[in-house]
């Protein structure tokens, strides 16, 4: 987790880039039921294109050349960290004793 934060800090993201990255993670198609996956997938694609466009306009070359690709790699790493964090939470506390909302967020 520390390595992830160090790599993220090195990129010196603007607040908008960080928010868009978090939105991509939050609205991952894997979080929803099958009936909503198409909608969430399209929404995530729009957010990804917005992030790419923002980077293209806000970061001059060569600084911004690979920033979008680096963020996508960090997104994958962040998803892995999230899964590991959820596994640890479930190990510590039985899912059945959590509130319905918390159970849905974790699962």
Protein backbone atom coordinates (compact mmCIF):
# COMPACT_ATOMS: atom_id res chain seq x y z
CA UNK A 1 0.00 0.00 0.00
CA UNK A 2 2.86 2.36 0.81
CA UNK A 3 4.44 1.69 -2.60
CA UNK A 4 1.11 2.55 -4.25
CA UNK A 5 0.90 5.89 -2.42
CA UNK A 6 4.51 6.75 -3.26
CA UNK A 7 3.91 6.03 -6.96
CA UNK A 8 0.68 8.03 -6.92
CA UNK A 9 2.33 11.02 -5.25
CA UNK A 10 5.15 11.01 -7.83
CA UNK A 11 2.58 11.63 -10.57
CA UNK A 12 1.55 14.95 -8.98
CA UNK A 13 -2.07 14.58 -10.03
CA UNK A 14 -4.52 17.42 -10.12
CA UNK A 15 -7.53 17.02 -7.85
CA UNK A 16 -9.77 16.39 -10.88
CA UNK A 17 -7.54 13.54 -12.06
CA UNK A 18 -7.59 11.92 -8.67
CA UNK A 19 -11.38 12.21 -8.47
CA UNK A 20 -11.85 10.75 -11.95
CA UNK A 21 -9.55 7.85 -11.07
CA UNK A 22 -11.55 7.15 -7.92
CA UNK A 23 -14.80 7.37 -9.91
CA UNK A 24 -13.51 4.78 -12.35
CA UNK A 25 -12.82 2.45 -9.44
CA UNK A 26 -16.13 3.13 -7.72
CA UNK A 27 -18.18 2.57 -10.87
CA UNK A 28 -16.55 -0.67 -11.88
CA UNK A 29 -18.91 -3.05 -13.75
CA UNK A 30 -17.98 -5.82 -11.33
CA UNK A 31 -19.79 -4.03 -8.49
CA UNK A 32 -23.29 -4.27 -9.91
CA UNK A 33 -25.86 -6.87 -10.81
CA UNK A 34 -25.94 -8.24 -14.35
CA UNK A 35 -28.87 -5.98 -15.25
CA UNK A 36 -26.81 -2.83 -14.62
CA UNK A 37 -23.41 -3.84 -15.98
CA UNK A 38 -23.91 -2.30 -19.41
CA UNK A 39 -24.94 1.04 -17.93
CA UNK A 40 -22.04 1.09 -15.46
CA UNK A 41 -19.59 -0.01 -18.16
CA UNK A 42 -20.69 2.87 -20.42
CA UNK A 43 -20.46 5.31 -17.52
CA UNK A 44 -16.97 4.12 -16.62
CA UNK A 45 -15.94 4.48 -20.27
CA UNK A 46 -17.17 8.11 -20.28
CA UNK A 47 -15.19 8.82 -17.10
CA UNK A 48 -12.08 7.21 -18.62
CA UNK A 49 -12.42 9.34 -21.77
CA UNK A 50 -12.93 12.44 -19.63
CA UNK A 51 -9.75 11.63 -17.70
CA UNK A 52 -7.80 11.10 -20.93
CA UNK A 53 -9.10 14.38 -22.35
CA UNK A 54 -8.26 16.26 -19.14
CA UNK A 55 -4.72 14.89 -19.14
CA UNK A 56 -4.24 15.74 -22.82
CA UNK A 57 -5.29 19.36 -22.17
CA UNK A 58 -3.63 19.95 -18.80
CA UNK A 59 -0.26 18.22 -19.14
CA UNK A 60 2.08 19.40 -21.86
CA UNK A 61 4.29 16.95 -23.70
CA UNK A 62 6.48 15.17 -22.80
CA UNK A 63 5.30 15.28 -19.14
CA UNK A 64 1.82 13.97 -19.90
CA UNK A 65 2.85 11.51 -22.58
CA UNK A 66 2.35 8.34 -20.53
CA UNK A 67 0.37 9.74 -17.59
CA UNK A 68 -2.93 8.19 -18.67
CA UNK A 69 -1.31 4.76 -19.12
CA UNK A 70 0.35 5.06 -15.72
CA UNK A 71 -2.98 5.91 -14.12
CA UNK A 72 -4.63 2.87 -15.69
CA UNK A 73 -1.86 0.70 -14.26
CA UNK A 74 -2.35 2.30 -10.86
CA UNK A 75 -6.09 1.71 -11.16
CA UNK A 76 -5.41 -2.01 -11.58
CA UNK A 77 -3.13 -1.94 -8.56
CA UNK A 78 -5.74 -0.02 -6.56
CA UNK A 79 -8.38 -2.62 -7.41
CA UNK A 80 -6.02 -5.33 -6.15
CA UNK A 81 -5.44 -3.41 -2.93
CA UNK A 82 -9.19 -2.97 -2.52
CA UNK A 83 -9.79 -6.71 -2.88
CA UNK A 84 -7.08 -7.47 -0.32
CA UNK A 85 -8.52 -4.90 2.08
CA UNK A 86 -11.99 -6.41 1.75
CA UNK A 87 -10.58 -9.89 2.35
CA UNK A 88 -8.98 -8.68 5.57
CA UNK A 89 -12.19 -6.98 6.72
CA UNK A 90 -14.19 -10.13 6.07
CA UNK A 91 -11.62 -12.16 7.96
CA UNK A 92 -11.82 -9.85 10.98
CA UNK A 93 -15.60 -9.44 11.10
CA UNK A 94 -18.31 -11.80 9.93
CA UNK A 95 -20.18 -10.27 6.99
CA UNK A 96 -23.55 -11.34 8.40
CA UNK A 97 -23.15 -9.04 11.40
CA UNK A 98 -22.70 -5.91 9.24
CA UNK A 99 -25.42 -3.53 8.16
CA UNK A 100 -26.95 -4.27 4.74
CA UNK A 101 -25.34 -1.18 3.20
CA UNK A 102 -21.86 -2.06 4.47
CA UNK A 103 -22.32 -5.67 3.33
CA UNK A 104 -23.22 -4.47 -0.17
CA UNK A 105 -20.23 -2.11 -0.33
CA UNK A 106 -17.81 -4.83 0.75
CA UNK A 107 -19.22 -7.54 -1.48
